PDB file of N, CA and C in Angstrom:
ATOM      1  N   MET A   1     219.704  54.280 169.421  1.00  0.00           N
ATOM      2  CA  MET A   1     221.130  55.311 168.419  1.00  0.00           C
ATOM      3  C   MET A   1     220.372  53.878 167.346  1.00  0.00           C
ATOM      4  N   ASN A   2     219.997  54.114 166.211  1.00  0.00           N
ATOM      5  CA  ASN A   2     219.763  53.454 165.001  1.00  0.00           C
ATOM      6  C   ASN A   2     221.330  52.605 164.387  1.00  0.00           C
ATOM      7  N   GLU A   3     220.801  51.956 163.194  1.00  0.00           N
ATOM      8  CA  GLU A   3     221.903  51.804 162.781  1.00  0.00           C
ATOM      9  C   GLU A   3     223.093  52.281 162.358  1.00  0.00           C
ATOM     10  N   ASN A   4     222.358  53.517 161.192  1.00  0.00           N
ATOM     11  CA  ASN A   4     222.845  54.491 160.850  1.00  0.00           C
ATOM     12  C   ASN A   4     223.930  55.291 161.330  1.00  0.00           C
ATOM     13  N   GLU A   5     223.445  55.788 162.616  1.00  0.00           N
ATOM     14  CA  GLU A   5     224.016  56.424 163.571  1.00  0.00           C
ATOM     15  C   GLU A   5     225.413  55.558 164.324  1.00  0.00           C
ATOM     16  N   LEU A   6     224.696  54.574 164.454  1.00  0.00           N
ATOM     17  CA  LEU A   6     225.578  53.148 164.980  1.00  0.00           C
ATOM     18  C   LEU A   6     227.136  53.363 164.028  1.00  0.00           C
ATOM     19  N   SER A   7     226.739  53.030 162.626  1.00  0.00           N
ATOM     20  CA  SER A   7     227.437  53.513 162.113  1.00  0.00           C
ATOM     21  C   SER A   7     228.251  54.377 161.988  1.00  0.00           C
ATOM     22  N   LEU A   8     227.787  55.677 162.006  1.00  0.00           N
ATOM     23  CA  LEU A   8     229.270  56.515 161.844  1.00  0.00           C
ATOM     24  C   LEU A   8     229.765  56.759 163.182  1.00  0.00           C
ATOM     25  N   ALA A   9     229.042  56.540 164.445  1.00  0.00           N
ATOM     26  CA  ALA A   9     229.909  56.456 165.538  1.00  0.00           C
ATOM     27  C   ALA A   9     231.165  55.875 164.955  1.00  0.00           C
ATOM     28  N   ILE A  10     230.862  54.865 165.177  1.00  0.00           N
ATOM     29  CA  ILE A  10     231.631  53.570 164.753  1.00  0.00           C
ATOM     30  C   ILE A  10     232.899  53.827 164.249  1.00  0.00           C
ATOM     31  N   ILE A  11     232.591  54.089 162.702  1.00  0.00           N
ATOM     32  CA  ILE A  11     233.595  54.664 161.470  1.00  0.00           C
ATOM     33  C   ILE A  11     234.317  55.887 161.980  1.00  0.00           C
ATOM     34  N   GLY A  12     233.581  57.053 162.627  1.00  0.00           N
ATOM     35  CA  GLY A  12     234.505  58.203 163.506  1.00  0.00           C
ATOM     36  C   GLY A  12     235.527  57.892 164.814  1.00  0.00           C
ATOM     37  N   ILE A  13     235.518  56.361 165.037  1.00  0.00           N
ATOM     38  CA  ILE A  13     236.253  55.856 166.204  1.00  0.00           C
ATOM     39  C   ILE A  13     237.072  54.880 165.586  1.00  0.00           C
ATOM     40  N   ALA A  14     236.608  54.621 164.436  1.00  0.00           N
ATOM     41  CA  ALA A  14     237.581  53.493 163.553  1.00  0.00           C
ATOM     42  C   ALA A  14     238.958  54.797 162.804  1.00  0.00           C
ATOM     43  N   LEU A  15     238.366  55.322 162.737  1.00  0.00           N
ATOM     44  CA  LEU A  15     239.480  56.752 161.396  1.00  0.00           C
ATOM     45  C   LEU A  15     240.012  57.139 162.796  1.00  0.00           C
ATOM     46  N   GLU A  16     239.877  57.283 163.641  1.00  0.00           N
ATOM     47  CA  GLU A  16     240.832  58.023 164.724  1.00  0.00           C
ATOM     48  C   GLU A  16     241.662  57.110 165.315  1.00  0.00           C
ATOM     49  N   LEU A  17     241.286  56.020 165.308  1.00  0.00           N
ATOM     50  CA  LEU A  17     242.561  54.871 165.710  1.00  0.00           C
ATOM     51  C   LEU A  17     243.347  54.473 164.751  1.00  0.00           C
ATOM     52  N   HIS A  18     243.122  54.720 163.445  1.00  0.00           N
ATOM     53  CA  HIS A  18     243.871  54.447 162.171  1.00  0.00           C
ATOM     54  C   HIS A  18     244.634  55.914 162.186  1.00  0.00           C
ATOM     55  N   LYS A  19     244.249  56.377 162.567  1.00  0.00           N
ATOM     56  CA  LYS A  19     244.816  58.057 162.627  1.00  0.00           C
ATOM     57  C   LYS A  19     245.938  57.944 163.838  1.00  0.00           C
ATOM     58  N   ASN A  20     245.428  57.306 164.784  1.00  0.00           N
ATOM     59  CA  ASN A  20     246.971  57.182 165.571  1.00  0.00           C
ATOM     60  C   ASN A  20     247.308  56.369 165.790  1.00  0.00           C
ATOM     61  N   VAL A  21     247.233  55.241 164.745  1.00  0.00           N
ATOM     62  CA  VAL A  21     248.636  53.986 164.678  1.00  0.00           C
ATOM     63  C   VAL A  21     248.986  53.741 163.935  1.00  0.00           C
ATOM     64  N   GLY A  22     248.095  54.648 162.557  1.00  0.00           N
ATOM     65  CA  GLY A  22     248.561  54.546 161.323  1.00  0.00           C
ATOM     66  C   GLY A  22     248.374  52.646 160.677  1.00  0.00           C
ATOM     67  N   PRO A  23     248.702  52.145 159.590  1.00  0.00           N
ATOM     68  CA  PRO A  23     248.728  51.365 158.724  1.00  0.00           C
ATOM     69  C   PRO A  23     249.860  50.194 158.984  1.00  0.00           C
ATOM     70  N   GLY A  24     249.591  48.684 158.904  1.00  0.00           N
ATOM     71  CA  GLY A  24     250.690  47.773 159.120  1.00  0.00           C
ATOM     72  C   GLY A  24     250.628  46.992 159.866  1.00  0.00           C
ATOM     73  N   LEU A  25     249.618  47.367 161.004  1.00  0.00           N
ATOM     74  CA  LEU A  25     250.004  46.349 162.162  1.00  0.00           C
ATOM     75  C   LEU A  25     248.463  44.874 162.172  1.00  0.00           C
ATOM     76  N   LEU A  26     249.219  43.966 163.001  1.00  0.00           N
ATOM     77  CA  LEU A  26     247.933  43.052 162.218  1.00  0.00           C
ATOM     78  C   LEU A  26     246.737  43.084 162.871  1.00  0.00           C
ATOM     79  N   GLU A  27     245.926  42.372 161.986  1.00  0.00           N
ATOM     80  CA  GLU A  27     244.466  42.750 162.190  1.00  0.00           C
ATOM     81  C   GLU A  27     243.987  42.384 163.328  1.00  0.00           C
ATOM     82  N   SER A  28     244.849  41.505 164.606  1.00  0.00           N
ATOM     83  CA  SER A  28     244.150  41.133 166.166  1.00  0.00           C
ATOM     84  C   SER A  28     244.551  42.580 166.654  1.00  0.00           C
ATOM     85  N   THR A  29     245.340  43.180 166.083  1.00  0.00           N
ATOM     86  CA  THR A  29     245.776  44.362 166.811  1.00  0.00           C
ATOM     87  C   THR A  29     244.511  45.356 166.603  1.00  0.00           C
ATOM     88  N   TYR A  30     244.283  45.693 165.903  1.00  0.00           N
ATOM     89  CA  TYR A  30     243.405  46.826 165.188  1.00  0.00           C
ATOM     90  C   TYR A  30     241.850  46.514 166.002  1.00  0.00           C
ATOM     91  N   GLU A  31     241.346  45.090 165.839  1.00  0.00           N
ATOM     92  CA  GLU A  31     240.293  44.566 166.233  1.00  0.00           C
ATOM     93  C   GLU A  31     240.333  44.428 168.022  1.00  0.00           C
ATOM     94  N   ASN A  32     241.708  44.422 168.889  1.00  0.00           N
ATOM     95  CA  ASN A  32     241.422  44.682 169.949  1.00  0.00           C
ATOM     96  C   ASN A  32     241.258  46.218 170.527  1.00  0.00           C
ATOM     97  N   ALA A  33     242.379  46.855 169.691  1.00  0.00           N
ATOM     98  CA  ALA A  33     242.533  48.548 169.658  1.00  0.00           C
ATOM     99  C   ALA A  33     240.917  48.877 169.692  1.00  0.00           C
ATOM    100  N   LEU A  34     240.375  48.607 168.860  1.00  0.00           N
ATOM    101  CA  LEU A  34     239.063  49.065 168.082  1.00  0.00           C
ATOM    102  C   LEU A  34     237.826  48.328 169.422  1.00  0.00           C
ATOM    103  N   ALA A  35     237.989  47.500 169.785  1.00  0.00           N
ATOM    104  CA  ALA A  35     237.085  47.132 170.938  1.00  0.00           C
ATOM    105  C   ALA A  35     237.238  47.687 172.126  1.00  0.00           C
ATOM    106  N   TYR A  36     238.734  48.134 172.827  1.00  0.00           N
ATOM    107  CA  TYR A  36     238.619  48.497 173.628  1.00  0.00           C
ATOM    108  C   TYR A  36     238.343  50.336 173.527  1.00  0.00           C
ATOM    109  N   ASP A  37     238.591  50.456 172.328  1.00  0.00           N
ATOM    110  CA  ASP A  37     238.012  52.228 171.873  1.00  0.00           C
ATOM    111  C   ASP A  37     236.503  52.405 171.967  1.00  0.00           C
ATOM    112  N   LEU A  38     235.754  51.425 171.517  1.00  0.00           N
ATOM    113  CA  LEU A  38     234.321  51.193 171.486  1.00  0.00           C
ATOM    114  C   LEU A  38     233.526  50.824 172.492  1.00  0.00           C
ATOM    115  N   ARG A  39     234.345  49.648 173.687  1.00  0.00           N
ATOM    116  CA  ARG A  39     233.765  49.829 175.001  1.00  0.00           C
ATOM    117  C   ARG A  39     234.016  51.275 175.599  1.00  0.00           C
ATOM    118  N   GLU A  40     235.388  52.119 175.407  1.00  0.00           N
ATOM    119  CA  GLU A  40     235.833  53.032 176.691  1.00  0.00           C
ATOM    120  C   GLU A  40     234.723  54.296 175.667  1.00  0.00           C
ATOM    121  N   ALA A  41     234.097  54.207 174.558  1.00  0.00           N
ATOM    122  CA  ALA A  41     232.824  55.316 173.948  1.00  0.00           C
ATOM    123  C   ALA A  41     231.288  54.643 174.694  1.00  0.00           C
ATOM    124  N   GLY A  42     231.287  53.569 175.071  1.00  0.00           N
ATOM    125  CA  GLY A  42     230.095  53.128 175.956  1.00  0.00           C
ATOM    126  C   GLY A  42     229.268  52.314 175.235  1.00  0.00           C
ATOM    127  N   PHE A  43     230.235  51.251 173.730  1.00  0.00           N
ATOM    128  CA  PHE A  43     229.173  50.616 172.982  1.00  0.00           C
ATOM    129  C   PHE A  43     229.707  49.228 174.040  1.00  0.00           C
ATOM    130  N   LYS A  44     228.138  48.359 173.782  1.00  0.00           N
ATOM    131  CA  LYS A  44     228.389  46.858 174.079  1.00  0.00           C
ATOM    132  C   LYS A  44     229.244  46.000 172.662  1.00  0.00           C
ATOM    133  N   VAL A  45     230.133  45.646 173.126  1.00  0.00           N
ATOM    134  CA  VAL A  45     230.846  44.812 171.887  1.00  0.00           C
ATOM    135  C   VAL A  45     231.216  43.318 172.455  1.00  0.00           C
ATOM    136  N   ARG A  46     231.055  42.281 171.154  1.00  0.00           N
ATOM    137  CA  ARG A  46     231.708  41.176 171.759  1.00  0.00           C
ATOM    138  C   ARG A  46     232.819  41.183 170.629  1.00  0.00           C
ATOM    139  N   GLN A  47     233.717  40.057 171.008  1.00  0.00           N
ATOM    140  CA  GLN A  47     234.701  39.476 170.142  1.00  0.00           C
ATOM    141  C   GLN A  47     234.759  38.265 169.507  1.00  0.00           C
ATOM    142  N   GLN A  48     235.217  37.814 168.306  1.00  0.00           N
ATOM    143  CA  GLN A  48     235.603  36.368 167.780  1.00  0.00           C
ATOM    144  C   GLN A  48     233.935  35.267 168.485  1.00  0.00           C
ATOM    145  N   VAL A  49     233.104  36.039 168.057  1.00  0.00           N
ATOM    146  CA  VAL A  49     231.584  35.693 168.324  1.00  0.00           C
ATOM    147  C   VAL A  49     231.490  34.409 167.273  1.00  0.00           C
ATOM    148  N   ALA A  50     231.566  33.142 167.740  1.00  0.00           N
ATOM    149  CA  ALA A  50     231.459  31.728 166.755  1.00  0.00           C
ATOM    150  C   ALA A  50     229.791  32.248 166.101  1.00  0.00           C
ATOM    151  N   MET A  51     230.103  31.460 164.762  1.00  0.00           N
ATOM    152  CA  MET A  51     229.085  31.707 163.126  1.00  0.00           C
ATOM    153  C   MET A  51     228.742  30.366 163.111  1.00  0.00           C
ATOM    154  N   PRO A  52     228.033  29.640 163.297  1.00  0.00           N
ATOM    155  CA  PRO A  52     227.626  28.495 162.103  1.00  0.00           C
ATOM    156  C   PRO A  52     227.353  28.622 161.164  1.00  0.00           C
ATOM    157  N   PHE A  53     227.678  27.725 160.094  1.00  0.00           N
ATOM    158  CA  PHE A  53     227.034  27.400 158.924  1.00  0.00           C
ATOM    159  C   PHE A  53     226.194  26.698 158.632  1.00  0.00           C
ATOM    160  N   HIS A  54     225.037  27.149 158.261  1.00  0.00           N
ATOM    161  CA  HIS A  54     223.587  25.673 157.755  1.00  0.00           C
ATOM    162  C   HIS A  54     223.932  25.897 156.661  1.00  0.00           C
ATOM    163  N   TYR A  55     224.070  24.474 156.048  1.00  0.00           N
ATOM    164  CA  TYR A  55     223.803  23.676 155.127  1.00  0.00           C
ATOM    165  C   TYR A  55     222.577  22.406 155.001  1.00  0.00           C
ATOM    166  N   LYS A  56     221.838  22.633 154.198  1.00  0.00           N
ATOM    167  CA  LYS A  56     220.869  21.564 154.026  1.00  0.00           C
ATOM    168  C   LYS A  56     220.307  21.505 155.496  1.00  0.00           C
ATOM    169  N   GLU A  57     219.530  22.376 156.161  1.00  0.00           N
ATOM    170  CA  GLU A  57     219.024  22.138 157.360  1.00  0.00           C
ATOM    171  C   GLU A  57     220.031  21.751 158.312  1.00  0.00           C
ATOM    172  N   VAL A  58     221.600  21.296 158.225  1.00  0.00           N
ATOM    173  CA  VAL A  58     222.288  21.136 159.032  1.00  0.00           C
ATOM    174  C   VAL A  58     223.203  21.910 159.950  1.00  0.00           C
ATOM    175  N   ARG A  59     223.104  22.430 160.833  1.00  0.00           N
ATOM    176  CA  ARG A  59     224.135  23.443 161.652  1.00  0.00           C
ATOM    177  C   ARG A  59     225.357  22.633 161.699  1.00  0.00           C
ATOM    178  N   LEU A  60     226.185  23.319 160.788  1.00  0.00           N
ATOM    179  CA  LEU A  60     228.141  23.062 161.162  1.00  0.00           C
ATOM    180  C   LEU A  60     228.592  24.007 161.729  1.00  0.00           C
ATOM    181  N   ASP A  61     229.630  23.284 162.357  1.00  0.00           N
ATOM    182  CA  ASP A  61     230.250  24.316 163.593  1.00  0.00           C
ATOM    183  C   ASP A  61     231.621  24.034 162.527  1.00  0.00           C
ATOM    184  N   VAL A  62     231.561  25.012 161.680  1.00  0.00           N
ATOM    185  CA  VAL A  62     233.299  24.791 161.180  1.00  0.00           C
ATOM    186  C   VAL A  62     234.431  25.884 161.472  1.00  0.00           C
ATOM    187  N   GLY A  63     234.618  26.891 162.386  1.00  0.00           N
ATOM    188  CA  GLY A  63     234.974  27.664 163.024  1.00  0.00           C
ATOM    189  C   GLY A  63     235.127  29.088 162.463  1.00  0.00           C
ATOM    190  N   TYR A  64     233.953  29.344 161.807  1.00  0.00           N
ATOM    191  CA  TYR A  64     234.074  30.737 161.346  1.00  0.00           C
ATOM    192  C   TYR A  64     233.564  31.389 162.853  1.00  0.00           C
ATOM    193  N   ARG A  65     234.040  32.561 162.803  1.00  0.00           N
ATOM    194  CA  ARG A  65     233.748  33.642 163.936  1.00  0.00           C
ATOM    195  C   ARG A  65     234.061  34.989 163.079  1.00  0.00           C
ATOM    196  N   LEU A  66     232.917  35.697 163.968  1.00  0.00           N
ATOM    197  CA  LEU A  66     232.889  37.353 163.628  1.00  0.00           C
ATOM    198  C   LEU A  66     233.563  38.112 164.386  1.00  0.00           C
ATOM    199  N   ASP A  67     234.334  39.428 163.758  1.00  0.00           N
ATOM    200  CA  ASP A  67     235.126  39.802 164.422  1.00  0.00           C
ATOM    201  C   ASP A  67     234.947  40.614 165.672  1.00  0.00           C
ATOM    202  N   LEU A  68     234.005  41.212 165.412  1.00  0.00           N
ATOM    203  CA  LEU A  68     233.341  42.429 165.999  1.00  0.00           C
ATOM    204  C   LEU A  68     232.108  42.660 165.837  1.00  0.00           C
ATOM    205  N   ILE A  69     231.266  42.605 167.024  1.00  0.00           N
ATOM    206  CA  ILE A  69     229.353  42.747 166.861  1.00  0.00           C
ATOM    207  C   ILE A  69     229.376  43.541 168.012  1.00  0.00           C
ATOM    208  N   ILE A  70     228.513  44.708 167.297  1.00  0.00           N
ATOM    209  CA  ILE A  70     228.459  46.148 168.034  1.00  0.00           C
ATOM    210  C   ILE A  70     227.099  46.323 168.499  1.00  0.00           C
ATOM    211  N   GLU A  71     226.758  46.707 169.811  1.00  0.00           N
ATOM    212  CA  GLU A  71     224.993  46.574 170.368  1.00  0.00           C
ATOM    213  C   GLU A  71     224.728  45.411 169.638  1.00  0.00           C
ATOM    214  N   ASN A  72     224.530  44.421 169.286  1.00  0.00           N
ATOM    215  CA  ASN A  72     223.933  43.264 168.641  1.00  0.00           C
ATOM    216  C   ASN A  72     223.465  44.163 167.114  1.00  0.00           C
ATOM    217  N   LYS A  73     224.070  44.919 166.434  1.00  0.00           N
ATOM    218  CA  LYS A  73     223.132  45.464 165.171  1.00  0.00           C
ATOM    219  C   LYS A  73     224.223  45.578 164.200  1.00  0.00           C
ATOM    220  N   ILE A  74     225.685  45.632 164.566  1.00  0.00           N
ATOM    221  CA  ILE A  74     226.521  46.000 163.181  1.00  0.00           C
ATOM    222  C   ILE A  74     227.729  44.836 163.611  1.00  0.00           C
ATOM    223  N   VAL A  75     227.889  43.940 163.014  1.00  0.00           N
ATOM    224  CA  VAL A  75     229.022  43.296 162.601  1.00  0.00           C
ATOM    225  C   VAL A  75     230.168  43.936 161.648  1.00  0.00           C
ATOM    226  N   LEU A  76     231.410  43.646 162.515  1.00  0.00           N
ATOM    227  CA  LEU A  76     232.635  43.881 161.989  1.00  0.00           C
ATOM    228  C   LEU A  76     233.581  43.085 161.503  1.00  0.00           C
ATOM    229  N   GLU A  77     234.143  42.696 160.405  1.00  0.00           N
ATOM    230  CA  GLU A  77     234.852  42.106 159.660  1.00  0.00           C
ATOM    231  C   GLU A  77     236.409  42.591 159.527  1.00  0.00           C
ATOM    232  N   ILE A  78     237.510  42.998 160.866  1.00  0.00           N
ATOM    233  CA  ILE A  78     238.554  43.668 159.987  1.00  0.00           C
ATOM    234  C   ILE A  78     239.438  42.963 159.261  1.00  0.00           C
ATOM    235  N   LYS A  79     240.245  43.851 158.851  1.00  0.00           N
ATOM    236  CA  LYS A  79     240.657  43.118 157.471  1.00  0.00           C
ATOM    237  C   LYS A  79     242.323  44.344 157.468  1.00  0.00           C
ATOM    238  N   SER A  80     243.100  43.766 157.726  1.00  0.00           N
ATOM    239  CA  SER A  80     244.195  44.768 157.417  1.00  0.00           C
ATOM    240  C   SER A  80     245.787  44.244 156.188  1.00  0.00           C
ATOM    241  N   ILE A  81     244.929  44.992 155.369  1.00  0.00           N
ATOM    242  CA  ILE A  81     245.227  44.488 153.711  1.00  0.00           C
ATOM    243  C   ILE A  81     245.340  45.828 153.265  1.00  0.00           C
ATOM    244  N   GLU A  82     246.541  45.510 152.111  1.00  0.00           N
ATOM    245  CA  GLU A  82     246.589  46.412 150.935  1.00  0.00           C
ATOM    246  C   GLU A  82     245.386  46.660 149.777  1.00  0.00           C
ATOM    247  N   THR A  83     245.324  45.796 149.668  1.00  0.00           N
ATOM    248  CA  THR A  83     243.730  45.880 148.577  1.00  0.00           C
ATOM    249  C   THR A  83     242.731  44.264 148.950  1.00  0.00           C
ATOM    250  N   LEU A  84     241.380  44.929 149.092  1.00  0.00           N
ATOM    251  CA  LEU A  84     240.265  43.438 149.103  1.00  0.00           C
ATOM    252  C   LEU A  84     240.733  42.757 147.787  1.00  0.00           C
ATOM    253  N   ALA A  85     240.527  41.265 148.046  1.00  0.00           N
ATOM    254  CA  ALA A  85     240.135  40.451 146.455  1.00  0.00           C
ATOM    255  C   ALA A  85     238.656  39.631 147.198  1.00  0.00           C
ATOM    256  N   PRO A  86     238.537  39.196 146.148  1.00  0.00           N
ATOM    257  CA  PRO A  86     237.572  38.152 146.038  1.00  0.00           C
ATOM    258  C   PRO A  86     236.614  37.364 147.229  1.00  0.00           C
ATOM    259  N   VAL A  87     237.954  37.072 147.583  1.00  0.00           N
ATOM    260  CA  VAL A  87     237.748  36.625 148.852  1.00  0.00           C
ATOM    261  C   VAL A  87     237.026  36.976 150.044  1.00  0.00           C
ATOM    262  N   HIS A  88     237.971  38.194 150.108  1.00  0.00           N
ATOM    263  CA  HIS A  88     237.464  39.266 151.473  1.00  0.00           C
ATOM    264  C   HIS A  88     235.513  39.339 151.254  1.00  0.00           C
ATOM    265  N   TYR A  89     235.087  39.470 150.085  1.00  0.00           N
ATOM    266  CA  TYR A  89     233.816  39.489 149.485  1.00  0.00           C
ATOM    267  C   TYR A  89     233.273  38.435 150.253  1.00  0.00           C
ATOM    268  N   SER A  90     233.692  37.298 149.553  1.00  0.00           N
ATOM    269  CA  SER A  90     232.852  36.388 150.070  1.00  0.00           C
ATOM    270  C   SER A  90     232.568  35.953 151.487  1.00  0.00           C
ATOM    271  N   GLN A  91     233.483  36.511 152.198  1.00  0.00           N
ATOM    272  CA  GLN A  91     233.483  35.960 153.707  1.00  0.00           C
ATOM    273  C   GLN A  91     232.184  37.034 153.965  1.00  0.00           C
ATOM    274  N   LEU A  92     231.879  37.947 153.815  1.00  0.00           N
ATOM    275  CA  LEU A  92     230.696  38.975 154.002  1.00  0.00           C
ATOM    276  C   LEU A  92     229.570  37.967 153.521  1.00  0.00           C
ATOM    277  N   LEU A  93     229.544  37.436 152.708  1.00  0.00           N
ATOM    278  CA  LEU A  93     228.145  37.085 152.054  1.00  0.00           C
ATOM    279  C   LEU A  93     227.819  35.536 152.643  1.00  0.00           C
ATOM    280  N   THR A  94     228.910  34.887 153.581  1.00  0.00           N
ATOM    281  CA  THR A  94     228.810  33.723 154.010  1.00  0.00           C
ATOM    282  C   THR A  94     227.914  33.577 154.895  1.00  0.00           C
TER     283      THR A  94
END
């Protein structure tokens, strides 16, 4: 399955989850429920994967965590907010 097909499958599963439970829950709730549904669909899912920050050729372990990695191809950052702020976009670029 290529990244586009995988993305489409993930989006479908995420929309079904949102349809079933609705808005307003904690990010950790959505993360765990989505990870469960993805695994039930047969995908390999890793949660809260440590990600180092590289600065001037030095690896710094500063506590960054990737919410979900699916099939070692797609990184998901779970948000449970009304509106994305600029800081949310910068998390994706780090």
